[in-house]
Protein backbone atom coordinates (compact mmCIF):
# COMPACT_ATOMS: atom_id res chain seq x y z
CA MET A 1 -74.98 -6.40 -25.85
CA HIS A 2 -74.45 -8.19 -28.70
CA GLU A 3 -70.32 -6.98 -28.93
CA LEU A 4 -69.66 -9.16 -25.80
CA SER A 5 -69.96 -12.35 -28.46
CA ILE A 6 -68.66 -10.38 -31.07
CA ALA A 7 -65.62 -9.99 -29.04
CA ILE A 8 -65.40 -13.59 -28.16
CA GLY A 9 -65.80 -14.60 -31.39
CA ILE A 10 -62.35 -12.46 -32.74
CA VAL A 11 -60.44 -13.73 -29.77
CA LYS A 12 -60.99 -17.19 -30.92
CA ILE A 13 -59.98 -16.14 -35.03
CA ALA A 14 -57.10 -14.77 -33.07
CA GLU A 15 -56.87 -17.82 -31.75
CA LYS A 16 -57.25 -20.50 -34.89
CA GLU A 17 -54.69 -18.39 -36.13
CA VAL A 18 -51.90 -18.41 -33.21
CA LYS A 19 -52.79 -22.32 -33.80
CA LYS A 20 -51.68 -22.59 -37.64
CA VAL A 21 -48.20 -21.45 -36.87
CA ASN A 22 -47.40 -22.89 -33.28
CA ALA A 23 -47.06 -19.65 -31.79
CA SER A 24 -47.77 -18.47 -28.69
CA ARG A 25 -49.50 -14.80 -28.88
CA VAL A 26 -50.85 -11.92 -31.09
CA SER A 27 -49.29 -8.23 -31.32
CA LEU A 28 -51.52 -6.69 -33.39
CA ILE A 29 -55.04 -7.40 -34.50
CA GLU A 30 -57.00 -5.51 -36.84
CA LEU A 31 -60.25 -5.15 -37.25
CA GLU A 32 -62.86 -3.57 -40.09
CA ILE A 33 -66.32 -2.43 -38.68
CA GLY A 34 -67.34 -0.30 -40.92
CA LYS A 35 -69.94 2.46 -39.70
CA LEU A 36 -72.99 0.37 -41.36
CA SER A 37 -72.41 -2.80 -39.42
CA GLY A 38 -74.41 -2.40 -36.10
CA ILE A 39 -71.59 -2.46 -33.97
CA GLU A 40 -71.60 0.12 -31.09
CA LEU A 41 -67.41 0.66 -31.13
CA GLU A 42 -67.64 1.80 -27.86
CA SER A 43 -69.84 -0.24 -26.84
CA LEU A 44 -66.88 -3.24 -27.88
CA ASN A 45 -64.45 -1.33 -25.93
CA PHE A 46 -65.53 -1.51 -22.89
CA VAL A 47 -65.72 -4.79 -23.35
CA TRP A 48 -63.00 -5.96 -25.46
CA GLU A 49 -60.38 -6.08 -22.09
CA SER A 50 -62.73 -8.74 -20.62
CA ALA A 51 -62.90 -10.88 -23.50
CA VAL A 52 -59.26 -10.52 -24.12
CA ARG A 53 -57.91 -11.53 -20.23
CA GLY A 54 -56.24 -14.60 -20.70
CA THR A 55 -56.28 -14.96 -24.36
CA VAL A 56 -53.24 -14.82 -26.98
CA LEU A 57 -54.68 -10.87 -27.60
CA GLU A 58 -54.06 -10.14 -23.73
CA ASN A 59 -51.47 -7.60 -24.98
CA ALA A 60 -52.27 -7.13 -28.33
CA LYS A 61 -52.53 -3.45 -29.98
CA LYS A 62 -55.90 -3.15 -31.73
CA LYS A 63 -56.23 -1.21 -34.51
CA ILE A 64 -59.99 -1.14 -35.90
CA ASN A 65 -60.66 0.94 -39.33
CA SER A 66 -64.25 2.10 -39.60
CA PRO A 67 -65.50 2.53 -43.55
CA SER A 68 -68.00 4.70 -44.27
CA GLY A 69 -71.03 3.34 -46.04
CA LYS A 70 -71.45 3.50 -49.75
CA ALA A 71 -74.75 3.02 -51.79
CA LYS A 72 -75.71 3.17 -55.44
CA CYS A 73 -79.24 4.05 -56.12
CA LEU A 74 -81.18 1.70 -58.02
CA ASP A 75 -83.43 4.53 -59.35
CA CYS A 76 -80.82 6.88 -60.67
CA GLY A 77 -77.22 5.25 -60.74
CA ASN A 78 -75.82 7.51 -57.91
CA ASN A 79 -73.07 6.76 -56.03
CA PHE A 80 -73.80 8.28 -52.35
CA GLU A 81 -72.24 7.98 -48.87
CA LEU A 82 -74.71 7.17 -46.29
CA GLU A 83 -75.05 8.31 -42.19
CA ASN A 84 -77.14 5.93 -41.66
CA LEU A 85 -78.67 2.49 -43.25
CA PHE A 86 -82.45 4.47 -44.26
CA ASP A 87 -80.53 7.83 -45.50
CA SER A 88 -82.16 7.89 -49.31
CA CYS A 89 -80.22 9.29 -52.35
CA SER A 90 -78.54 11.94 -52.52
CA LYS A 91 -79.96 12.85 -55.64
CA CYS A 92 -83.10 11.91 -56.21
CA ASN A 93 -84.34 10.89 -52.99
CA SER A 94 -85.33 7.06 -53.19
CA HIS A 95 -84.91 4.68 -50.85
CA PHE A 96 -84.47 1.93 -53.35
CA LYS A 97 -79.98 1.47 -53.10
CA ASN A 98 -77.81 -0.99 -53.09
CA ILE A 99 -75.36 -0.62 -49.91
CA TYR A 100 -71.83 -1.87 -51.39
CA HIS A 101 -69.81 -0.61 -48.51
CA GLY A 102 -69.59 0.10 -45.28
CA LYS A 103 -71.50 -2.26 -43.60
CA GLU A 104 -68.32 -4.78 -42.71
CA LEU A 105 -67.00 -6.57 -40.67
CA ARG A 106 -64.43 -8.55 -40.51
CA VAL A 107 -60.73 -9.61 -39.05
CA LYS A 108 -58.68 -7.74 -40.89
CA ALA A 109 -55.08 -8.85 -39.91
CA VAL A 110 -53.06 -10.81 -37.73
CA THR A 111 -49.51 -9.75 -36.48
CA ILE A 112 -48.47 -13.26 -34.64
CA GLU A 113 -45.37 -13.38 -32.83
């Protein structure tokens, strides 16, 4: 379950940001986790409480934005949405594509108190 190590990494990022401004806690953390990122949101939510216990994120609200997958076909130039990494072009059925949206995994914002 790599979601636990991801949660711990998010805690470390938040702790680093809190330390920069000499604060004590975070009230809100905003995450961007794309639908094609390979992160199971249910698993992340399951381990979240354990990962943040005793940290600057313990009482923080967590907001997750999950952008959908988008790609451009390298054969016909069509832009299309993806549900899965291996989906083909909706226009020409080609599997050659450039995925430009939906694989994100980032801390978008940290609101510090």
